[in-house]
Amino acid sequence: MFRLPCFSYSDTFGMVLEPYSEMFLPILIQIWMLKWNLEHSKNLEIQLQEDK
């Protein structure tokens, strides 16, 4: 009995977010890639320092 409002709420939420998700998804991916690259380069620097 309580499930229906939840589903209708998530449907409206999805409809509102859908146009934005297309814009934000590439931005989120870029941010994630930048974050990953920064962490990866830090790990490489640590490895290089250990080799010396």
Foldseek 3Di string as FASTA:
>chain_A
DVVVVVVVVVVVVCVVCVVVCVVCVVVVVVVVVVVVVVVVVVVVVVVVVVVD
